[in-house]
Amino acid sequence: MTALRKAGFGLLTVLLLAVAAVTVGYVLRQQPTGPDLHGAAVETTPEAVSHQAAEPVTQPVTQPVTQPVVEAPPAPQADPTRSQHRPMHAMEPGRTLLSRGDKGDEVRDLQARLAQLYWYTGRATGDYDDVTVEAVRGFQGKRRIPVTGKVDQRTLDRLHAMTTEPSRDAMGLHNVPGPLDARCRTGRVLCIDKSSQTLRWVVDGQVLKTVDVRFGASATPTREGVWSVYLKSRDHVSQLYDSAMPFAMFFSGGQAVHYSSDFAATGYSGASHGCVNVRDYDAVAWLYDQVQVGDRVVVYWS
């Protein structure tokens, strides 16, 4: 009897353990192992894994964000009352100070200053002509000054700021002769004053012609003293320097009075090799016809 009770108790225990095991297994199969792409539980059994691998994963469709449309401001319209060739901020010309037709030393000063900036070529004449108009226009256009060819205060101020005070020579003014040497007061004399850089043709004490002249450099100075013209050569060419010496009137060795194109072009910025250079072509041509071989030449400091 006791054995039977023991056997029944053991059988009951086995049955209870079996029921508990089945219950636990069922509960474990119902628990989710992780969220799927849509938030639902994903089974981790072999069947579930196989089923998930067979189905393509669908990504959620993102709708594009619509940006608000911003209209560009309208383009500025040109003012039909203004010239298309003149900016709205263009300066107006000032009151005219010098213009075409004017004459005098103010025009000479203008021309000499324009020559310093290479807008005006040649010697200042004191005549506000077409060449001067074009020189002023070029200067104004380069400096963004209203281009008129006329000089106003703005043009004049800018020109003065960029240049130096021109010399009398640059202004085309003749040099002022010094006192006439006593040796020049009788006979026919080429009276050459180094101090005033002038040559005067004097006959019996009367001055008939005065011209500007240039002398030799320090290494080749023009000799001073009393000489005589010993040779005239209208179309002379220097054998030593291979340079033209038109209307040459020799008075001391190789030194002569003659026309110089370099002197005419550059003025006193250069020098001769000892000769007395004349830059006025017409004047020296006239002198050549007046002077005779044997006429006196006096070179001095006044």
C-alpha atoms as a PDB file:
ATOM      1  CA  MET A   1       0.000   0.000   0.000  1.00  0.00           C
ATOM      2  CA  THR A   2       2.752   2.264   0.953  1.00  0.00           C
ATOM      3  CA  ALA A   3       4.523   1.451  -2.309  1.00  0.00           C
ATOM      4  CA  LEU A   4       1.447   2.279  -4.316  1.00  0.00           C
ATOM      5  CA  ARG A   5       1.101   5.662  -2.623  1.00  0.00           C
ATOM      6  CA  LYS A   6       4.683   6.457  -3.388  1.00  0.00           C
ATOM      7  CA  ALA A   7       4.254   5.463  -7.016  1.00  0.00           C
ATOM      8  CA  GLY A   8       1.105   7.628  -7.373  1.00  0.00           C
ATOM      9  CA  PHE A   9       2.833  10.599  -5.797  1.00  0.00           C
ATOM     10  CA  GLY A  10       5.693  10.315  -8.262  1.00  0.00           C
ATOM     11  CA  LEU A  11       3.370  10.057 -11.239  1.00  0.00           C
ATOM     12  CA  LEU A  12       1.519  13.160 -10.114  1.00  0.00           C
ATOM     13  CA  THR A  13       4.751  15.045  -9.739  1.00  0.00           C
ATOM     14  CA  VAL A  14       5.803  14.095 -13.282  1.00  0.00           C
ATOM     15  CA  LEU A  15       2.474  15.237 -14.709  1.00  0.00           C
ATOM     16  CA  LEU A  16       2.675  18.572 -12.922  1.00  0.00           C
ATOM     17  CA  LEU A  17       6.193  19.174 -14.212  1.00  0.00           C
ATOM     18  CA  ALA A  18       5.119  18.360 -17.761  1.00  0.00           C
ATOM     19  CA  VAL A  19       2.193  20.800 -17.619  1.00  0.00           C
ATOM     20  CA  ALA A  20       4.477  23.546 -16.269  1.00  0.00           C
ATOM     21  CA  ALA A  21       6.978  22.978 -19.064  1.00  0.00           C
ATOM     22  CA  VAL A  22       4.287  23.236 -21.747  1.00  0.00           C
ATOM     23  CA  THR A  23       2.943  26.427 -20.180  1.00  0.00           C
ATOM     24  CA  VAL A  24       6.370  28.113 -20.042  1.00  0.00           C
ATOM     25  CA  GLY A  25       7.098  27.233 -23.675  1.00  0.00           C
ATOM     26  CA  TYR A  26       3.827  28.728 -24.833  1.00  0.00           C
ATOM     27  CA  VAL A  27       4.456  31.937 -22.951  1.00  0.00           C
ATOM     28  CA  LEU A  28       7.975  32.304 -24.378  1.00  0.00           C
ATOM     29  CA  ARG A  29       6.698  31.883 -27.932  1.00  0.00           C
ATOM     30  CA  GLN A  30       4.265  34.805 -27.444  1.00  0.00           C
ATOM     31  CA  GLN A  31       6.973  37.395 -26.339  1.00  0.00           C
ATOM     32  CA  PRO A  32       8.331  39.859 -29.064  1.00  0.00           C
ATOM     33  CA  THR A  33      12.083  39.831 -29.647  1.00  0.00           C
ATOM     34  CA  GLY A  34      12.312  43.343 -31.307  1.00  0.00           C
ATOM     35  CA  PRO A  35      10.303  45.836 -33.339  1.00  0.00           C
ATOM     36  CA  ASP A  36       9.976  45.465 -37.102  1.00  0.00           C
ATOM     37  CA  LEU A  37      10.124  48.383 -39.529  1.00  0.00           C
ATOM     38  CA  HIS A  38       6.492  49.278 -38.823  1.00  0.00           C
ATOM     39  CA  GLY A  39       6.674  48.988 -34.993  1.00  0.00           C
ATOM     40  CA  ALA A  40       5.134  45.391 -34.707  1.00  0.00           C
ATOM     41  CA  ALA A  41       6.795  42.435 -32.996  1.00  0.00           C
ATOM     42  CA  VAL A  42       9.165  40.327 -35.067  1.00  0.00           C
ATOM     43  CA  GLU A  43       9.209  36.575 -34.483  1.00  0.00           C
ATOM     44  CA  THR A  44      12.603  34.951 -34.207  1.00  0.00           C
ATOM     45  CA  THR A  45      11.533  31.422 -35.100  1.00  0.00           C
ATOM     46  CA  PRO A  46      13.189  29.878 -38.188  1.00  0.00           C
ATOM     47  CA  GLU A  47       9.864  30.085 -40.040  1.00  0.00           C
ATOM     48  CA  ALA A  48       9.528  33.800 -39.261  1.00  0.00           C
ATOM     49  CA  VAL A  49      13.126  34.557 -40.316  1.00  0.00           C
ATOM     50  CA  SER A  50      12.637  32.729 -43.607  1.00  0.00           C
ATOM     51  CA  HIS A  51       9.380  34.576 -44.259  1.00  0.00           C
ATOM     52  CA  GLN A  52      10.931  37.984 -43.578  1.00  0.00           C
ATOM     53  CA  ALA A  53      13.895  37.375 -45.886  1.00  0.00           C
ATOM     54  CA  ALA A  54      11.560  36.555 -48.739  1.00  0.00           C
ATOM     55  CA  GLU A  55       9.663  39.838 -48.579  1.00  0.00           C
ATOM     56  CA  PRO A  56      11.303  43.061 -49.889  1.00  0.00           C
ATOM     57  CA  VAL A  57      11.639  45.809 -47.383  1.00  0.00           C
ATOM     58  CA  THR A  58       9.652  48.871 -48.393  1.00  0.00           C
ATOM     59  CA  GLN A  59      11.148  52.271 -47.385  1.00  0.00           C
ATOM     60  CA  PRO A  60       8.712  54.947 -46.347  1.00  0.00           C
ATOM     61  CA  VAL A  61       8.115  57.562 -49.081  1.00  0.00           C
ATOM     62  CA  THR A  62       9.266  61.044 -48.040  1.00  0.00           C
ATOM     63  CA  GLN A  63       7.173  63.833 -49.478  1.00  0.00           C
ATOM     64  CA  PRO A  64       9.241  66.833 -50.853  1.00  0.00           C
ATOM     65  CA  VAL A  65       8.972  70.023 -48.852  1.00  0.00           C
ATOM     66  CA  THR A  66       7.437  72.787 -50.904  1.00  0.00           C
ATOM     67  CA  GLN A  67       9.404  76.078 -50.597  1.00  0.00           C
ATOM     68  CA  PRO A  68       7.524  79.351 -50.815  1.00  0.00           C
ATOM     69  CA  VAL A  69       8.032  81.179 -54.118  1.00  0.00           C
ATOM     70  CA  VAL A  70       9.854  84.518 -53.702  1.00  0.00           C
ATOM     71  CA  GLU A  71       9.492  86.879 -56.640  1.00  0.00           C
ATOM     72  CA  ALA A  72      12.633  88.855 -57.692  1.00  0.00           C
ATOM     73  CA  PRO A  73      12.275  92.632 -57.491  1.00  0.00           C
ATOM     74  CA  PRO A  74      11.709  94.296 -60.869  1.00  0.00           C
ATOM     75  CA  ALA A  75      14.847  95.510 -62.689  1.00  0.00           C
ATOM     76  CA  PRO A  76      15.402  99.265 -62.437  1.00  0.00           C
ATOM     77  CA  GLN A  77      14.202 101.088 -65.511  1.00  0.00           C
ATOM     78  CA  ALA A  78      16.488 103.572 -67.287  1.00  0.00           C
ATOM     79  CA  ASP A  79      15.480 107.188 -66.963  1.00  0.00           C
ATOM     80  CA  PRO A  80      14.639 108.234 -70.541  1.00  0.00           C
ATOM     81  CA  THR A  81      15.356 111.866 -69.642  1.00  0.00           C
ATOM     82  CA  ARG A  82      19.081 111.111 -69.125  1.00  0.00           C
ATOM     83  CA  SER A  83      21.626 110.356 -71.810  1.00  0.00           C
ATOM     84  CA  GLN A  84      22.601 106.689 -71.988  1.00  0.00           C
ATOM     85  CA  HIS A  85      26.196 107.767 -72.571  1.00  0.00           C
ATOM     86  CA  ARG A  86      26.515 109.879 -69.429  1.00  0.00           C
ATOM     87  CA  PRO A  87      26.430 108.368 -65.905  1.00  0.00           C
ATOM     88  CA  MET A  88      23.902 109.823 -63.505  1.00  0.00           C
ATOM     89  CA  HIS A  89      26.717 111.138 -61.294  1.00  0.00           C
ATOM     90  CA  ALA A  90      28.631 112.849 -64.141  1.00  0.00           C
ATOM     91  CA  MET A  91      30.112 116.219 -63.255  1.00  0.00           C
ATOM     92  CA  GLU A  92      29.071 119.324 -65.092  1.00  0.00           C
ATOM     93  CA  PRO A  93      31.748 121.572 -66.665  1.00  0.00           C
ATOM     94  CA  GLY A  94      32.710 124.630 -64.685  1.00  0.00           C
ATOM     95  CA  ARG A  95      32.936 128.212 -65.856  1.00  0.00           C
ATOM     96  CA  THR A  96      35.265 128.573 -68.847  1.00  0.00           C
ATOM     97  CA  LEU A  97      38.590 130.270 -68.063  1.00  0.00           C
ATOM     98  CA  LEU A  98      40.431 129.660 -71.351  1.00  0.00           C
ATOM     99  CA  SER A  99      39.150 128.456 -74.705  1.00  0.00           C
ATOM    100  CA  ARG A 100      39.748 128.458 -78.455  1.00  0.00           C
ATOM    101  CA  GLY A 101      40.828 131.849 -79.777  1.00  0.00           C
ATOM    102  CA  ASP A 102      42.428 133.118 -76.573  1.00  0.00           C
ATOM    103  CA  LYS A 103      46.001 134.419 -76.716  1.00  0.00           C
ATOM    104  CA  GLY A 104      48.715 135.427 -74.260  1.00  0.00           C
ATOM    105  CA  ASP A 105      50.990 134.194 -71.504  1.00  0.00           C
ATOM    106  CA  GLU A 106      48.218 132.240 -69.752  1.00  0.00           C
ATOM    107  CA  VAL A 107      47.845 130.150 -72.889  1.00  0.00           C
ATOM    108  CA  ARG A 108      51.633 129.754 -73.075  1.00  0.00           C
ATOM    109  CA  ASP A 109      51.640 128.503 -69.491  1.00  0.00           C
ATOM    110  CA  LEU A 110      48.834 126.058 -70.318  1.00  0.00           C
ATOM    111  CA  GLN A 111      50.663 124.730 -73.368  1.00  0.00           C
ATOM    112  CA  ALA A 112      53.959 124.387 -71.486  1.00  0.00           C
ATOM    113  CA  ARG A 113      52.282 122.409 -68.685  1.00  0.00           C
ATOM    114  CA  LEU A 114      50.477 120.150 -71.157  1.00  0.00           C
ATOM    115  CA  ALA A 115      53.847 119.584 -72.858  1.00  0.00           C
ATOM    116  CA  GLN A 116      55.295 118.351 -69.553  1.00  0.00           C
ATOM    117  CA  LEU A 117      52.666 115.581 -69.610  1.00  0.00           C
ATOM    118  CA  TYR A 118      53.210 114.910 -73.359  1.00  0.00           C
ATOM    119  CA  TRP A 119      49.745 116.076 -74.372  1.00  0.00           C
ATOM    120  CA  TYR A 120      51.080 119.101 -76.257  1.00  0.00           C
ATOM    121  CA  THR A 121      53.996 118.927 -78.698  1.00  0.00           C
ATOM    122  CA  GLY A 122      56.246 121.664 -79.983  1.00  0.00           C
ATOM    123  CA  ARG A 123      56.964 125.052 -78.521  1.00  0.00           C
ATOM    124  CA  ALA A 124      54.327 127.086 -76.749  1.00  0.00           C
ATOM    125  CA  THR A 125      52.864 129.716 -79.062  1.00  0.00           C
ATOM    126  CA  GLY A 126      50.423 131.539 -76.799  1.00  0.00           C
ATOM    127  CA  ASP A 127      47.648 130.865 -79.316  1.00  0.00           C
ATOM    128  CA  TYR A 128      44.727 128.641 -78.140  1.00  0.00           C
ATOM    129  CA  ASP A 129      44.398 126.812 -81.463  1.00  0.00           C
ATOM    130  CA  ASP A 130      43.025 123.423 -82.572  1.00  0.00           C
ATOM    131  CA  VAL A 131      46.157 121.635 -81.342  1.00  0.00           C
ATOM    132  CA  THR A 132      45.663 123.118 -77.874  1.00  0.00           C
ATOM    133  CA  VAL A 133      41.970 122.162 -77.859  1.00  0.00           C
ATOM    134  CA  GLU A 134      42.807 118.534 -78.603  1.00  0.00           C
ATOM    135  CA  ALA A 135      45.553 118.513 -75.959  1.00  0.00           C
ATOM    136  CA  VAL A 136      43.100 119.801 -73.336  1.00  0.00           C
ATOM    137  CA  ARG A 137      40.471 117.249 -74.387  1.00  0.00           C
ATOM    138  CA  GLY A 138      42.976 114.428 -74.043  1.00  0.00           C
ATOM    139  CA  PHE A 139      44.038 115.594 -70.597  1.00  0.00           C
ATOM    140  CA  GLN A 140      40.434 115.939 -69.435  1.00  0.00           C
ATOM    141  CA  GLY A 141      39.396 112.526 -70.717  1.00  0.00           C
ATOM    142  CA  LYS A 142      42.293 110.804 -68.967  1.00  0.00           C
ATOM    143  CA  ARG A 143      41.360 112.423 -65.622  1.00  0.00           C
ATOM    144  CA  ARG A 144      37.569 111.929 -65.945  1.00  0.00           C
ATOM    145  CA  ILE A 145      36.956 115.649 -66.163  1.00  0.00           C
ATOM    146  CA  PRO A 146      34.110 116.747 -68.464  1.00  0.00           C
ATOM    147  CA  VAL A 147      35.692 116.689 -71.918  1.00  0.00           C
ATOM    148  CA  THR A 148      35.105 120.082 -73.492  1.00  0.00           C
ATOM    149  CA  GLY A 149      38.477 121.243 -74.796  1.00  0.00           C
ATOM    150  CA  LYS A 150      37.944 124.332 -72.651  1.00  0.00           C
ATOM    151  CA  VAL A 151      39.808 125.065 -69.428  1.00  0.00           C
ATOM    152  CA  ASP A 152      37.689 125.403 -66.284  1.00  0.00           C
ATOM    153  CA  GLN A 153      38.922 125.672 -62.692  1.00  0.00           C
ATOM    154  CA  ARG A 154      38.846 121.899 -62.139  1.00  0.00           C
ATOM    155  CA  THR A 155      40.997 121.303 -65.225  1.00  0.00           C
ATOM    156  CA  LEU A 156      43.437 124.052 -64.269  1.00  0.00           C
ATOM    157  CA  ASP A 157      43.798 122.854 -60.654  1.00  0.00           C
ATOM    158  CA  ARG A 158      44.470 119.273 -61.733  1.00  0.00           C
ATOM    159  CA  LEU A 159      46.992 120.399 -64.356  1.00  0.00           C
ATOM    160  CA  HIS A 160      48.871 122.592 -61.847  1.00  0.00           C
ATOM    161  CA  ALA A 161      48.941 119.744 -59.302  1.00  0.00           C
ATOM    162  CA  MET A 162      50.654 117.455 -61.825  1.00  0.00           C
ATOM    163  CA  THR A 163      53.203 119.897 -63.291  1.00  0.00           C
ATOM    164  CA  THR A 164      55.892 122.372 -62.288  1.00  0.00           C
ATOM    165  CA  GLU A 165      56.220 126.067 -63.006  1.00  0.00           C
ATOM    166  CA  PRO A 166      57.376 126.285 -66.645  1.00  0.00           C
ATOM    167  CA  SER A 167      60.449 128.266 -67.537  1.00  0.00           C
ATOM    168  CA  ARG A 168      60.401 131.189 -69.921  1.00  0.00           C
ATOM    169  CA  ASP A 169      62.011 128.927 -72.467  1.00  0.00           C
ATOM    170  CA  ALA A 170      59.299 126.274 -72.084  1.00  0.00           C
ATOM    171  CA  MET A 171      56.675 128.985 -72.479  1.00  0.00           C
ATOM    172  CA  GLY A 172      58.227 130.000 -75.785  1.00  0.00           C
ATOM    173  CA  LEU A 173      59.391 133.345 -74.470  1.00  0.00           C
ATOM    174  CA  HIS A 174      62.632 134.718 -75.800  1.00  0.00           C
ATOM    175  CA  ASN A 175      65.518 135.177 -73.433  1.00  0.00           C
ATOM    176  CA  VAL A 176      66.126 138.732 -72.259  1.00  0.00           C
ATOM    177  CA  PRO A 177      69.508 139.972 -73.591  1.00  0.00           C
ATOM    178  CA  GLY A 178      72.024 141.526 -71.233  1.00  0.00           C
ATOM    179  CA  PRO A 179      73.989 144.734 -71.846  1.00  0.00           C
ATOM    180  CA  LEU A 180      75.626 144.949 -75.243  1.00  0.00           C
ATOM    181  CA  ASP A 181      79.384 144.425 -74.991  1.00  0.00           C
ATOM    182  CA  ALA A 182      81.510 147.435 -76.064  1.00  0.00           C
ATOM    183  CA  ARG A 183      83.247 145.235 -78.656  1.00  0.00           C
ATOM    184  CA  CYS A 184      79.910 144.766 -80.380  1.00  0.00           C
ATOM    185  CA  ARG A 185      79.192 148.452 -80.903  1.00  0.00           C
ATOM    186  CA  THR A 186      81.195 148.969 -84.067  1.00  0.00           C
ATOM    187  CA  GLY A 187      81.248 147.143 -87.393  1.00  0.00           C
ATOM    188  CA  ARG A 188      79.403 143.933 -88.260  1.00  0.00           C
ATOM    189  CA  VAL A 189      79.293 141.627 -85.279  1.00  0.00           C
ATOM    190  CA  LEU A 190      77.697 138.376 -84.158  1.00  0.00           C
ATOM    191  CA  CYS A 191      77.385 139.395 -80.497  1.00  0.00           C
ATOM    192  CA  ILE A 192      76.900 136.248 -78.370  1.00  0.00           C
ATOM    193  CA  ASP A 193      75.966 136.693 -74.678  1.00  0.00           C
ATOM    194  CA  LYS A 194      76.420 133.553 -72.565  1.00  0.00           C
ATOM    195  CA  SER A 195      74.658 135.078 -69.558  1.00  0.00           C
ATOM    196  CA  SER A 196      71.352 135.670 -71.341  1.00  0.00           C
ATOM    197  CA  GLN A 197      71.839 132.853 -73.890  1.00  0.00           C
ATOM    198  CA  THR A 198      71.223 135.164 -76.796  1.00  0.00           C
ATOM    199  CA  LEU A 199      72.873 136.035 -80.115  1.00  0.00           C
ATOM    200  CA  ARG A 200      72.388 139.490 -81.607  1.00  0.00           C
ATOM    201  CA  TRP A 201      73.317 140.530 -85.100  1.00  0.00           C
ATOM    202  CA  VAL A 202      74.636 144.071 -84.721  1.00  0.00           C
ATOM    203  CA  VAL A 203      75.647 146.422 -87.509  1.00  0.00           C
ATOM    204  CA  ASP A 204      77.298 149.674 -86.471  1.00  0.00           C
ATOM    205  CA  GLY A 205      75.783 149.479 -82.996  1.00  0.00           C
ATOM    206  CA  GLN A 206      72.238 148.728 -84.222  1.00  0.00           C
ATOM    207  CA  VAL A 207      70.684 145.371 -83.232  1.00  0.00           C
ATOM    208  CA  LEU A 208      68.967 143.892 -86.298  1.00  0.00           C
ATOM    209  CA  LYS A 209      68.155 140.376 -85.075  1.00  0.00           C
ATOM    210  CA  THR A 210      68.044 138.610 -81.700  1.00  0.00           C
ATOM    211  CA  VAL A 211      67.762 134.801 -81.296  1.00  0.00           C
ATOM    212  CA  ASP A 212      68.016 132.275 -78.471  1.00  0.00           C
ATOM    213  CA  VAL A 213      71.159 130.138 -78.486  1.00  0.00           C
ATOM    214  CA  ARG A 214      72.593 127.135 -76.656  1.00  0.00           C
ATOM    215  CA  PHE A 215      76.231 126.414 -75.866  1.00  0.00           C
ATOM    216  CA  GLY A 216      78.588 123.506 -75.313  1.00  0.00           C
ATOM    217  CA  ALA A 217      78.456 121.203 -72.298  1.00  0.00           C
ATOM    218  CA  SER A 218      81.011 121.462 -69.482  1.00  0.00           C
ATOM    219  CA  ALA A 219      83.256 118.896 -71.182  1.00  0.00           C
ATOM    220  CA  THR A 220      83.162 120.778 -74.493  1.00  0.00           C
ATOM    221  CA  PRO A 221      82.564 124.461 -73.626  1.00  0.00           C
ATOM    222  CA  THR A 222      82.061 127.188 -76.170  1.00  0.00           C
ATOM    223  CA  ARG A 223      85.155 129.358 -76.164  1.00  0.00           C
ATOM    224  CA  GLU A 224      84.885 133.028 -75.183  1.00  0.00           C
ATOM    225  CA  GLY A 225      86.728 135.861 -76.889  1.00  0.00           C
ATOM    226  CA  VAL A 226      86.827 137.790 -80.131  1.00  0.00           C
ATOM    227  CA  TRP A 227      86.898 135.776 -83.360  1.00  0.00           C
ATOM    228  CA  SER A 228      86.080 136.136 -87.035  1.00  0.00           C
ATOM    229  CA  VAL A 229      83.951 134.043 -89.366  1.00  0.00           C
ATOM    230  CA  TYR A 230      86.416 132.099 -91.515  1.00  0.00           C
ATOM    231  CA  LEU A 231      84.100 129.578 -93.229  1.00  0.00           C
ATOM    232  CA  LYS A 232      80.443 129.276 -94.201  1.00  0.00           C
ATOM    233  CA  SER A 233      78.784 125.929 -95.094  1.00  0.00           C
ATOM    234  CA  ARG A 234      75.034 125.887 -95.789  1.00  0.00           C
ATOM    235  CA  ASP A 235      74.489 122.096 -95.606  1.00  0.00           C
ATOM    236  CA  HIS A 236      77.385 121.123 -93.404  1.00  0.00           C
ATOM    237  CA  VAL A 237      77.596 117.676 -91.734  1.00  0.00           C
ATOM    238  CA  SER A 238      80.027 117.123 -88.871  1.00  0.00           C
ATOM    239  CA  GLN A 239      82.707 114.572 -89.764  1.00  0.00           C
ATOM    240  CA  LEU A 240      83.475 114.078 -86.073  1.00  0.00           C
ATOM    241  CA  TYR A 241      79.921 113.494 -84.798  1.00  0.00           C
ATOM    242  CA  ASP A 242      78.145 112.666 -88.085  1.00  0.00           C
ATOM    243  CA  SER A 243      75.439 115.225 -87.299  1.00  0.00           C
ATOM    244  CA  ALA A 244      73.830 117.859 -89.500  1.00  0.00           C
ATOM    245  CA  MET A 245      74.934 121.483 -88.987  1.00  0.00           C
ATOM    246  CA  PRO A 246      72.781 123.547 -91.399  1.00  0.00           C
ATOM    247  CA  PHE A 247      73.819 127.171 -92.037  1.00  0.00           C
ATOM    248  CA  ALA A 248      77.167 126.696 -90.285  1.00  0.00           C
ATOM    249  CA  MET A 249      79.299 129.817 -89.759  1.00  0.00           C
ATOM    250  CA  PHE A 250      82.680 128.704 -88.329  1.00  0.00           C
ATOM    251  CA  PHE A 251      84.580 131.124 -86.096  1.00  0.00           C
ATOM    252  CA  SER A 252      86.966 129.077 -83.854  1.00  0.00           C
ATOM    253  CA  GLY A 253      88.347 125.739 -84.998  1.00  0.00           C
ATOM    254  CA  GLY A 254      85.410 123.342 -85.281  1.00  0.00           C
ATOM    255  CA  GLN A 255      83.055 125.658 -83.400  1.00  0.00           C
ATOM    256  CA  ALA A 256      80.368 127.382 -85.418  1.00  0.00           C
ATOM    257  CA  VAL A 257      77.043 129.140 -85.213  1.00  0.00           C
ATOM    258  CA  HIS A 258      74.434 126.827 -86.833  1.00  0.00           C
ATOM    259  CA  TYR A 259      70.867 125.549 -86.705  1.00  0.00           C
ATOM    260  CA  SER A 260      70.149 122.647 -84.292  1.00  0.00           C
ATOM    261  CA  SER A 261      67.046 120.468 -84.654  1.00  0.00           C
ATOM    262  CA  ASP A 262      67.773 118.988 -81.224  1.00  0.00           C
ATOM    263  CA  PHE A 263      67.727 122.442 -79.645  1.00  0.00           C
ATOM    264  CA  ALA A 264      64.428 123.136 -81.420  1.00  0.00           C
ATOM    265  CA  ALA A 265      62.936 119.904 -80.046  1.00  0.00           C
ATOM    266  CA  THR A 266      64.331 119.658 -76.507  1.00  0.00           C
ATOM    267  CA  GLY A 267      65.387 123.185 -75.609  1.00  0.00           C
ATOM    268  CA  TYR A 268      67.966 123.662 -72.890  1.00  0.00           C
ATOM    269  CA  SER A 269      67.715 120.096 -71.620  1.00  0.00           C
ATOM    270  CA  GLY A 270      70.611 119.315 -73.988  1.00  0.00           C
ATOM    271  CA  ALA A 271      73.847 120.973 -75.065  1.00  0.00           C
ATOM    272  CA  SER A 272      76.194 121.206 -78.029  1.00  0.00           C
ATOM    273  CA  HIS A 273      79.760 119.955 -78.453  1.00  0.00           C
ATOM    274  CA  GLY A 274      80.975 123.547 -78.336  1.00  0.00           C
ATOM    275  CA  CYS A 275      79.041 125.152 -81.160  1.00  0.00           C
ATOM    276  CA  VAL A 276      76.528 127.948 -80.767  1.00  0.00           C
ATOM    277  CA  ASN A 277      73.167 126.296 -81.496  1.00  0.00           C
ATOM    278  CA  VAL A 278      70.240 128.287 -82.902  1.00  0.00           C
ATOM    279  CA  ARG A 279      66.735 126.747 -82.789  1.00  0.00           C
ATOM    280  CA  ASP A 280      64.897 129.281 -84.976  1.00  0.00           C
ATOM    281  CA  TYR A 281      65.353 127.862 -88.477  1.00  0.00           C
ATOM    282  CA  ASP A 282      64.078 130.900 -90.344  1.00  0.00           C
ATOM    283  CA  ALA A 283      66.148 133.281 -88.249  1.00  0.00           C
ATOM    284  CA  VAL A 284      69.428 131.393 -88.722  1.00  0.00           C
ATOM    285  CA  ALA A 285      68.734 131.054 -92.450  1.00  0.00           C
ATOM    286  CA  TRP A 286      68.283 134.832 -92.590  1.00  0.00           C
ATOM    287  CA  LEU A 287      71.507 135.347 -90.591  1.00  0.00           C
ATOM    288  CA  TYR A 288      73.434 133.058 -92.920  1.00  0.00           C
ATOM    289  CA  ASP A 289      72.533 135.312 -95.832  1.00  0.00           C
ATOM    290  CA  GLN A 290      73.600 138.462 -93.927  1.00  0.00           C
ATOM    291  CA  VAL A 291      76.895 137.350 -92.395  1.00  0.00           C
ATOM    292  CA  GLN A 292      80.032 137.454 -94.502  1.00  0.00           C
ATOM    293  CA  VAL A 293      83.372 135.750 -94.070  1.00  0.00           C
ATOM    294  CA  GLY A 294      85.545 138.109 -92.009  1.00  0.00           C
ATOM    295  CA  ASP A 295      82.701 139.495 -89.845  1.00  0.00           C
ATOM    296  CA  ARG A 296      83.540 139.629 -86.151  1.00  0.00           C
ATOM    297  CA  VAL A 297      82.244 137.188 -83.517  1.00  0.00           C
ATOM    298  CA  VAL A 298      82.279 138.219 -79.851  1.00  0.00           C
ATOM    299  CA  VAL A 299      81.485 135.573 -77.182  1.00  0.00           C
ATOM    300  CA  TYR A 300      81.218 136.972 -73.645  1.00  0.00           C
ATOM    301  CA  TRP A 301      79.447 136.985 -70.260  1.00  0.00           C
ATOM    302  CA  SER A 302      77.351 140.104 -69.697  1.00  0.00           C
END
